[in-house]
């Protein structure tokens, strides 16, 4: 896939606190292009922070080889599921 550069804006967001109102920077990313790159709804991400640079990567979950559903999806290992 060819590398595509996207230009976005850093917005200002108002945050109310009990004793004052402040503005903070906000970056919005949305669109079908995220889905095409593997950033599906509900996935968790890591954001690596460097001066003037953010790198966003998906967190890869370990799959449980004994769980058939894990072969087709990114579910959590069976040990994380509560048993009744």
PDB file of N, CA and C in Angstrom:
ATOM      1  N   UNK A   1       0.844  -1.168   0.000  1.00  0.00           N
ATOM      2  CA  UNK A   1       0.000   0.000   0.000  1.00  0.00           C
ATOM      3  C   UNK A   1       0.896   1.239   0.000  1.00  0.00           C
ATOM      4  N   UNK A   2       0.585   2.190  -0.852  1.00  0.00           N
ATOM      5  CA  UNK A   2       1.355   3.424  -0.928  1.00  0.00           C
ATOM      6  C   UNK A   2       1.142   4.248   0.341  1.00  0.00           C
ATOM      7  N   UNK A   3       2.204   4.862   0.780  1.00  0.00           N
ATOM      8  CA  UNK A   3       2.133   5.707   1.970  1.00  0.00           C
ATOM      9  C   UNK A   3       1.376   6.983   1.623  1.00  0.00           C
ATOM     10  N   UNK A   4       0.368   7.311   2.409  1.00  0.00           N
ATOM     11  CA  UNK A   4      -0.418   8.509   2.170  1.00  0.00           C
ATOM     12  C   UNK A   4      -0.301   9.437   3.364  1.00  0.00           C
ATOM     13  N   UNK A   5       0.000  10.678   3.077  1.00  0.00           N
ATOM     14  CA  UNK A   5       0.101  11.696   4.115  1.00  0.00           C
ATOM     15  C   UNK A   5      -1.259  12.373   4.257  1.00  0.00           C
ATOM     16  N   UNK A   6      -1.761  12.473   5.459  1.00  0.00           N
ATOM     17  CA  UNK A   6      -3.024  13.163   5.735  1.00  0.00           C
ATOM     18  C   UNK A   6      -2.731  14.369   6.611  1.00  0.00           C
ATOM     19  N   UNK A   7      -3.330  15.482   6.250  1.00  0.00           N
ATOM     20  CA  UNK A   7      -3.162  16.699   7.041  1.00  0.00           C
ATOM     21  C   UNK A   7      -4.399  16.909   7.895  1.00  0.00           C
ATOM     22  N   UNK A   8      -4.189  17.144   9.169  1.00  0.00           N
ATOM     23  CA  UNK A   8      -5.271  17.385  10.122  1.00  0.00           C
ATOM     24  C   UNK A   8      -4.945  18.626  10.929  1.00  0.00           C
ATOM     25  N   UNK A   9      -5.873  19.043  11.728  1.00  0.00           N
ATOM     26  CA  UNK A   9      -5.726  20.229  12.549  1.00  0.00           C
ATOM     27  C   UNK A   9      -5.760  19.832  14.026  1.00  0.00           C
ATOM     28  N   UNK A  10      -5.022  20.543  14.855  1.00  0.00           N
ATOM     29  CA  UNK A  10      -5.116  20.392  16.301  1.00  0.00           C
ATOM     30  C   UNK A  10      -6.167  21.398  16.759  1.00  0.00           C
ATOM     31  N   UNK A  11      -7.254  20.865  17.318  1.00  0.00           N
ATOM     32  CA  UNK A  11      -8.377  21.697  17.755  1.00  0.00           C
ATOM     33  C   UNK A  11      -8.213  22.121  19.209  1.00  0.00           C
ATOM     34  N   UNK A  12      -9.013  23.076  19.597  1.00  0.00           N
ATOM     35  CA  UNK A  12      -9.064  23.523  20.977  1.00  0.00           C
ATOM     36  C   UNK A  12     -10.344  22.973  21.603  1.00  0.00           C
ATOM     37  N   UNK A  13     -10.212  22.363  22.773  1.00  0.00           N
ATOM     38  CA  UNK A  13     -11.361  21.791  23.465  1.00  0.00           C
ATOM     39  C   UNK A  13     -11.491  22.475  24.826  1.00  0.00           C
ATOM     40  N   UNK A  14     -12.706  22.854  25.167  1.00  0.00           N
ATOM     41  CA  UNK A  14     -12.961  23.518  26.446  1.00  0.00           C
ATOM     42  C   UNK A  14     -13.242  22.462  27.512  1.00  0.00           C
ATOM     43  N   UNK A  15     -12.561  22.590  28.633  1.00  0.00           N
ATOM     44  CA  UNK A  15     -12.755  21.666  29.746  1.00  0.00           C
ATOM     45  C   UNK A  15     -13.143  22.473  30.970  1.00  0.00           C
ATOM     46  N   UNK A  16     -14.312  22.198  31.521  1.00  0.00           N
ATOM     47  CA  UNK A  16     -14.794  22.891  32.723  1.00  0.00           C
ATOM     48  C   UNK A  16     -14.341  22.140  33.961  1.00  0.00           C
ATOM     49  N   UNK A  17     -13.826  22.892  34.891  1.00  0.00           N
ATOM     50  CA  UNK A  17     -13.474  22.333  36.192  1.00  0.00           C
ATOM     51  C   UNK A  17     -14.253  23.105  37.232  1.00  0.00           C
ATOM     52  N   UNK A  18     -14.290  22.624  38.443  1.00  0.00           N
ATOM     53  CA  UNK A  18     -15.099  23.272  39.480  1.00  0.00           C
ATOM     54  C   UNK A  18     -14.643  24.700  39.779  1.00  0.00           C
ATOM     55  N   UNK A  19     -13.378  24.996  39.554  1.00  0.00           N
ATOM     56  CA  UNK A  19     -12.847  26.304  39.906  1.00  0.00           C
ATOM     57  C   UNK A  19     -12.448  27.166  38.710  1.00  0.00           C
ATOM     58  N   UNK A  20     -12.437  26.606  37.479  1.00  0.00           N
ATOM     59  CA  UNK A  20     -12.150  27.420  36.299  1.00  0.00           C
ATOM     60  C   UNK A  20     -12.489  26.662  35.014  1.00  0.00           C
ATOM     61  N   UNK A  21     -12.271  27.317  33.896  1.00  0.00           N
ATOM     62  CA  UNK A  21     -12.478  26.726  32.577  1.00  0.00           C
ATOM     63  C   UNK A  21     -11.159  26.855  31.826  1.00  0.00           C
ATOM     64  N   UNK A  22     -10.690  25.749  31.240  1.00  0.00           N
ATOM     65  CA  UNK A  22      -9.434  25.773  30.500  1.00  0.00           C
ATOM     66  C   UNK A  22      -9.661  25.235  29.092  1.00  0.00           C
ATOM     67  N   UNK A  23      -8.712  25.475  28.203  1.00  0.00           N
ATOM     68  CA  UNK A  23      -8.734  24.852  26.884  1.00  0.00           C
ATOM     69  C   UNK A  23      -7.546  23.904  26.794  1.00  0.00           C
ATOM     70  N   UNK A  24      -7.772  22.786  26.113  1.00  0.00           N
ATOM     71  CA  UNK A  24      -6.726  21.785  25.920  1.00  0.00           C
ATOM     72  C   UNK A  24      -6.690  21.406  24.439  1.00  0.00           C
ATOM     73  N   UNK A  25      -5.542  20.952  23.915  1.00  0.00           N
ATOM     74  CA  UNK A  25      -5.479  20.541  22.517  1.00  0.00           C
ATOM     75  C   UNK A  25      -6.180  19.196  22.305  1.00  0.00           C
ATOM     76  N   UNK A  26      -6.768  19.029  21.116  1.00  0.00           N
ATOM     77  CA  UNK A  26      -7.482  17.800  20.776  1.00  0.00           C
ATOM     78  C   UNK A  26      -7.183  17.456  19.322  1.00  0.00           C
ATOM     79  N   UNK A  27      -6.885  16.177  19.060  1.00  0.00           N
ATOM     80  CA  UNK A  27      -6.666  15.682  17.701  1.00  0.00           C
ATOM     81  C   UNK A  27      -7.756  14.666  17.401  1.00  0.00           C
ATOM     82  N   UNK A  28      -8.459  14.861  16.289  1.00  0.00           N
ATOM     83  CA  UNK A  28      -9.555  13.970  15.899  1.00  0.00           C
ATOM     84  C   UNK A  28      -9.143  13.155  14.680  1.00  0.00           C
ATOM     85  N   UNK A  29      -9.299  11.837  14.791  1.00  0.00           N
ATOM     86  CA  UNK A  29      -9.058  10.944  13.660  1.00  0.00           C
ATOM     87  C   UNK A  29     -10.319  10.121  13.452  1.00  0.00           C
ATOM     88  N   UNK A  30     -10.848  10.124  12.234  1.00  0.00           N
ATOM     89  CA  UNK A  30     -12.034   9.336  11.934  1.00  0.00           C
ATOM     90  C   UNK A  30     -12.090   9.086  10.438  1.00  0.00           C
ATOM     91  N   UNK A  31     -12.771   8.012  10.059  1.00  0.00           N
ATOM     92  CA  UNK A  31     -12.962   7.738   8.643  1.00  0.00           C
ATOM     93  C   UNK A  31     -12.761   6.274   8.311  1.00  0.00           C
ATOM     94  N   UNK A  32     -13.233   5.895   7.149  1.00  0.00           N
ATOM     95  CA  UNK A  32     -13.119   4.511   6.676  1.00  0.00           C
ATOM     96  C   UNK A  32     -11.669   4.107   6.448  1.00  0.00           C
ATOM     97  N   UNK A  33     -10.817   5.081   6.219  1.00  0.00           N
ATOM     98  CA  UNK A  33      -9.404   4.786   5.995  1.00  0.00           C
ATOM     99  C   UNK A  33      -8.775   4.132   7.215  1.00  0.00           C
ATOM    100  N   UNK A  34      -9.244   4.484   8.420  1.00  0.00           N
ATOM    101  CA  UNK A  34      -8.733   3.838   9.634  1.00  0.00           C
ATOM    102  C   UNK A  34      -9.077   2.349   9.633  1.00  0.00           C
ATOM    103  N   UNK A  35     -10.301   2.027   9.241  1.00  0.00           N
ATOM    104  CA  UNK A  35     -10.751   0.635   9.159  1.00  0.00           C
ATOM    105  C   UNK A  35      -9.900  -0.139   8.151  1.00  0.00           C
ATOM    106  N   UNK A  36      -9.630   0.472   7.008  1.00  0.00           N
ATOM    107  CA  UNK A  36      -8.827  -0.199   5.974  1.00  0.00           C
ATOM    108  C   UNK A  36      -7.405  -0.476   6.447  1.00  0.00           C
ATOM    109  N   UNK A  37      -6.915   0.351   7.362  1.00  0.00           N
ATOM    110  CA  UNK A  37      -5.562   0.167   7.893  1.00  0.00           C
ATOM    111  C   UNK A  37      -5.525  -0.778   9.099  1.00  0.00           C
ATOM    112  N   UNK A  38      -6.695  -1.319   9.491  1.00  0.00           N
ATOM    113  CA  UNK A  38      -6.741  -2.282  10.590  1.00  0.00           C
ATOM    114  C   UNK A  38      -7.175  -1.707  11.923  1.00  0.00           C
ATOM    115  N   UNK A  39      -7.474  -0.423  11.963  1.00  0.00           N
ATOM    116  CA  UNK A  39      -7.908   0.216  13.203  1.00  0.00           C
ATOM    117  C   UNK A  39      -9.422   0.073  13.320  1.00  0.00           C
ATOM    118  N   UNK A  40      -9.858  -1.130  13.670  1.00  0.00           N
ATOM    119  CA  UNK A  40     -11.280  -1.456  13.791  1.00  0.00           C
ATOM    120  C   UNK A  40     -11.837  -0.912  15.102  1.00  0.00           C
ATOM    121  N   UNK A  41     -13.150  -0.699  15.104  1.00  0.00           N
ATOM    122  CA  UNK A  41     -13.820  -0.224  16.322  1.00  0.00           C
ATOM    123  C   UNK A  41     -13.573  -1.194  17.471  1.00  0.00           C
ATOM    124  N   UNK A  42     -13.283  -0.668  18.634  1.00  0.00           N
ATOM    125  CA  UNK A  42     -13.068  -1.493  19.822  1.00  0.00           C
ATOM    126  C   UNK A  42     -11.629  -1.946  20.021  1.00  0.00           C
ATOM    127  N   UNK A  43     -10.771  -1.794  19.011  1.00  0.00           N
ATOM    128  CA  UNK A  43      -9.374  -2.197  19.160  1.00  0.00           C
ATOM    129  C   UNK A  43      -8.659  -1.217  20.086  1.00  0.00           C
ATOM    130  N   UNK A  44      -7.637  -1.704  20.772  1.00  0.00           N
ATOM    131  CA  UNK A  44      -6.845  -0.852  21.644  1.00  0.00           C
ATOM    132  C   UNK A  44      -5.578  -0.435  20.913  1.00  0.00           C
ATOM    133  N   UNK A  45      -5.097   0.773  21.232  1.00  0.00           N
ATOM    134  CA  UNK A  45      -3.917   1.310  20.574  1.00  0.00           C
ATOM    135  C   UNK A  45      -2.891   1.790  21.597  1.00  0.00           C
ATOM    136  N   UNK A  46      -1.647   1.842  21.152  1.00  0.00           N
ATOM    137  CA  UNK A  46      -0.568   2.488  21.891  1.00  0.00           C
ATOM    138  C   UNK A  46      -0.235   3.771  21.157  1.00  0.00           C
ATOM    139  N   UNK A  47       0.086   4.827  21.906  1.00  0.00           N
ATOM    140  CA  UNK A  47       0.519   6.075  21.301  1.00  0.00           C
ATOM    141  C   UNK A  47       1.906   6.393  21.848  1.00  0.00           C
ATOM    142  N   UNK A  48       2.908   6.315  20.973  1.00  0.00           N
ATOM    143  CA  UNK A  48       4.286   6.633  21.337  1.00  0.00           C
ATOM    144  C   UNK A  48       4.470   8.138  21.170  1.00  0.00           C
ATOM    145  N   UNK A  49       4.921   8.801  22.225  1.00  0.00           N
ATOM    146  CA  UNK A  49       5.036  10.258  22.236  1.00  0.00           C
ATOM    147  C   UNK A  49       6.489  10.691  22.108  1.00  0.00           C
ATOM    148  N   UNK A  50       6.736  11.533  21.116  1.00  0.00           N
ATOM    149  CA  UNK A  50       8.040  12.159  20.932  1.00  0.00           C
ATOM    150  C   UNK A  50       7.787  13.620  20.600  1.00  0.00           C
ATOM    151  N   UNK A  51       8.782  14.467  20.779  1.00  0.00           N
ATOM    152  CA  UNK A  51       8.632  15.890  20.462  1.00  0.00           C
ATOM    153  C   UNK A  51       8.213  16.027  18.993  1.00  0.00           C
ATOM    154  N   UNK A  52       7.088  16.686  18.753  1.00  0.00           N
ATOM    155  CA  UNK A  52       6.547  16.941  17.411  1.00  0.00           C
ATOM    156  C   UNK A  52       6.141  15.686  16.647  1.00  0.00           C
ATOM    157  N   UNK A  53       5.953  14.546  17.344  1.00  0.00           N
ATOM    158  CA  UNK A  53       5.616  13.308  16.635  1.00  0.00           C
ATOM    159  C   UNK A  53       4.829  12.362  17.537  1.00  0.00           C
ATOM    160  N   UNK A  54       3.721  11.831  17.017  1.00  0.00           N
ATOM    161  CA  UNK A  54       2.949  10.774  17.674  1.00  0.00           C
ATOM    162  C   UNK A  54       2.921   9.568  16.742  1.00  0.00           C
ATOM    163  N   UNK A  55       3.186   8.387  17.276  1.00  0.00           N
ATOM    164  CA  UNK A  55       3.109   7.159  16.491  1.00  0.00           C
ATOM    165  C   UNK A  55       2.037   6.270  17.115  1.00  0.00           C
ATOM    166  N   UNK A  56       1.008   5.927  16.324  1.00  0.00           N
ATOM    167  CA  UNK A  56      -0.119   5.133  16.812  1.00  0.00           C
ATOM    168  C   UNK A  56      -0.002   3.720  16.251  1.00  0.00           C
ATOM    169  N   UNK A  57      -0.011   2.719  17.143  1.00  0.00           N
ATOM    170  CA  UNK A  57       0.046   1.318  16.712  1.00  0.00           C
ATOM    171  C   UNK A  57      -1.009   0.509  17.458  1.00  0.00           C
ATOM    172  N   UNK A  58      -1.499  -0.533  16.797  1.00  0.00           N
ATOM    173  CA  UNK A  58      -2.469  -1.433  17.420  1.00  0.00           C
ATOM    174  C   UNK A  58      -1.785  -2.299  18.461  1.00  0.00           C
ATOM    175  N   UNK A  59      -2.486  -2.583  19.544  1.00  0.00           N
ATOM    176  CA  UNK A  59      -2.000  -3.525  20.550  1.00  0.00           C
ATOM    177  C   UNK A  59      -2.426  -4.907  20.088  1.00  0.00           C
ATOM    178  N   UNK A  60      -1.443  -5.774  19.894  1.00  0.00           N
ATOM    179  CA  UNK A  60      -1.752  -7.137  19.457  1.00  0.00           C
ATOM    180  C   UNK A  60      -2.016  -8.005  20.677  1.00  0.00           C
ATOM    181  N   UNK A  61      -3.142  -8.684  20.666  1.00  0.00           N
ATOM    182  CA  UNK A  61      -3.501  -9.564  21.784  1.00  0.00           C
ATOM    183  C   UNK A  61      -2.996 -10.966  21.501  1.00  0.00           C
ATOM    184  N   UNK A  62      -2.593 -11.653  22.581  1.00  0.00           N
ATOM    185  CA  UNK A  62      -2.202 -13.054  22.442  1.00  0.00           C
ATOM    186  C   UNK A  62      -3.438 -13.889  22.241  1.00  0.00           C
ATOM    187  N   UNK A  63      -3.362 -14.839  21.328  1.00  0.00           N
ATOM    188  CA  UNK A  63      -4.499 -15.721  21.096  1.00  0.00           C
ATOM    189  C   UNK A  63      -4.299 -17.022  21.855  1.00  0.00           C
ATOM    190  N   UNK A  64      -5.393 -17.576  22.328  1.00  0.00           N
ATOM    191  CA  UNK A  64      -5.368 -18.846  23.035  1.00  0.00           C
ATOM    192  C   UNK A  64      -5.558 -19.947  22.005  1.00  0.00           C
ATOM    193  N   UNK A  65      -4.578 -20.837  21.860  1.00  0.00           N
ATOM    194  CA  UNK A  65      -4.636 -21.875  20.824  1.00  0.00           C
ATOM    195  C   UNK A  65      -5.722 -22.915  21.078  1.00  0.00           C
ATOM    196  N   UNK A  66      -6.215 -23.001  22.316  1.00  0.00           N
ATOM    197  CA  UNK A  66      -7.246 -23.994  22.608  1.00  0.00           C
ATOM    198  C   UNK A  66      -8.650 -23.469  22.320  1.00  0.00           C
ATOM    199  N   UNK A  67      -8.774 -22.190  22.063  1.00  0.00           N
ATOM    200  CA  UNK A  67     -10.080 -21.591  21.813  1.00  0.00           C
ATOM    201  C   UNK A  67     -10.287 -21.443  20.312  1.00  0.00           C
ATOM    202  N   UNK A  68     -11.242 -22.164  19.744  1.00  0.00           N
ATOM    203  CA  UNK A  68     -11.508 -22.112  18.307  1.00  0.00           C
ATOM    204  C   UNK A  68     -11.866 -20.716  17.839  1.00  0.00           C
ATOM    205  N   UNK A  69     -12.613 -19.972  18.649  1.00  0.00           N
ATOM    206  CA  UNK A  69     -13.015 -18.625  18.256  1.00  0.00           C
ATOM    207  C   UNK A  69     -11.810 -17.695  18.158  1.00  0.00           C
ATOM    208  N   UNK A  70     -10.772 -17.970  18.944  1.00  0.00           N
ATOM    209  CA  UNK A  70      -9.581 -17.116  18.924  1.00  0.00           C
ATOM    210  C   UNK A  70      -8.840 -17.210  17.603  1.00  0.00           C
ATOM    211  N   UNK A  71      -8.996 -18.309  16.916  1.00  0.00           N
ATOM    212  CA  UNK A  71      -8.328 -18.467  15.635  1.00  0.00           C
ATOM    213  C   UNK A  71      -8.881 -17.465  14.621  1.00  0.00           C
ATOM    214  N   UNK A  72     -10.167 -17.177  14.711  1.00  0.00           N
ATOM    215  CA  UNK A  72     -10.804 -16.270  13.760  1.00  0.00           C
ATOM    216  C   UNK A  72     -10.900 -14.838  14.255  1.00  0.00           C
ATOM    217  N   UNK A  73     -10.757 -14.613  15.550  1.00  0.00           N
ATOM    218  CA  UNK A  73     -10.912 -13.260  16.102  1.00  0.00           C
ATOM    219  C   UNK A  73      -9.765 -12.931  17.034  1.00  0.00           C
ATOM    220  N   UNK A  74      -9.795 -11.761  17.592  1.00  0.00           N
ATOM    221  CA  UNK A  74      -8.762 -11.325  18.544  1.00  0.00           C
ATOM    222  C   UNK A  74      -9.291 -11.387  19.975  1.00  0.00           C
ATOM    223  N   UNK A  75      -9.892 -12.471  20.378  1.00  0.00           N
ATOM    224  CA  UNK A  75     -10.465 -12.531  21.717  1.00  0.00           C
ATOM    225  C   UNK A  75      -9.381 -12.731  22.775  1.00  0.00           C
ATOM    226  N   UNK A  76      -9.741 -12.489  24.004  1.00  0.00           N
ATOM    227  CA  UNK A  76      -8.818 -12.675  25.113  1.00  0.00           C
ATOM    228  C   UNK A  76      -8.638 -14.154  25.420  1.00  0.00           C
ATOM    229  N   UNK A  77      -7.511 -14.537  25.990  1.00  0.00           N
ATOM    230  CA  UNK A  77      -7.316 -15.931  26.374  1.00  0.00           C
ATOM    231  C   UNK A  77      -8.395 -16.404  27.350  1.00  0.00           C
ATOM    232  N   UNK A  78      -8.668 -17.695  27.344  1.00  0.00           N
ATOM    233  CA  UNK A  78      -9.712 -18.267  28.195  1.00  0.00           C
ATOM    234  C   UNK A  78      -9.464 -18.000  29.669  1.00  0.00           C
ATOM    235  N   UNK A  79      -8.223 -17.849  30.067  1.00  0.00           N
ATOM    236  CA  UNK A  79      -7.906 -17.620  31.466  1.00  0.00           C
ATOM    237  C   UNK A  79      -8.444 -16.282  31.952  1.00  0.00           C
ATOM    238  N   UNK A  80      -8.739 -15.368  31.043  1.00  0.00           N
ATOM    239  CA  UNK A  80      -9.269 -14.056  31.415  1.00  0.00           C
ATOM    240  C   UNK A  80     -10.786 -14.050  31.539  1.00  0.00           C
ATOM    241  N   UNK A  81     -11.445 -15.122  31.082  1.00  0.00           N
ATOM    242  CA  UNK A  81     -12.908 -15.194  31.116  1.00  0.00           C
ATOM    243  C   UNK A  81     -13.325 -15.688  32.488  1.00  0.00           C
ATOM    244  N   UNK A  82     -14.294 -15.009  33.090  1.00  0.00           N
ATOM    245  CA  UNK A  82     -14.801 -15.441  34.405  1.00  0.00           C
ATOM    246  C   UNK A  82     -15.579 -16.735  34.269  1.00  0.00           C
ATOM    247  N   UNK A  83     -15.305 -17.620  35.162  1.00  0.00           N
ATOM    248  CA  UNK A  83     -16.040 -18.892  35.184  1.00  0.00           C
ATOM    249  C   UNK A  83     -17.062 -18.827  36.300  1.00  0.00           C
ATOM    250  N   UNK A  84     -18.228 -19.422  36.084  1.00  0.00           N
ATOM    251  CA  UNK A  84     -19.287 -19.415  37.110  1.00  0.00           C
ATOM    252  C   UNK A  84     -19.223 -20.641  37.967  1.00  0.00           C
TER     253      UNK A  84
END
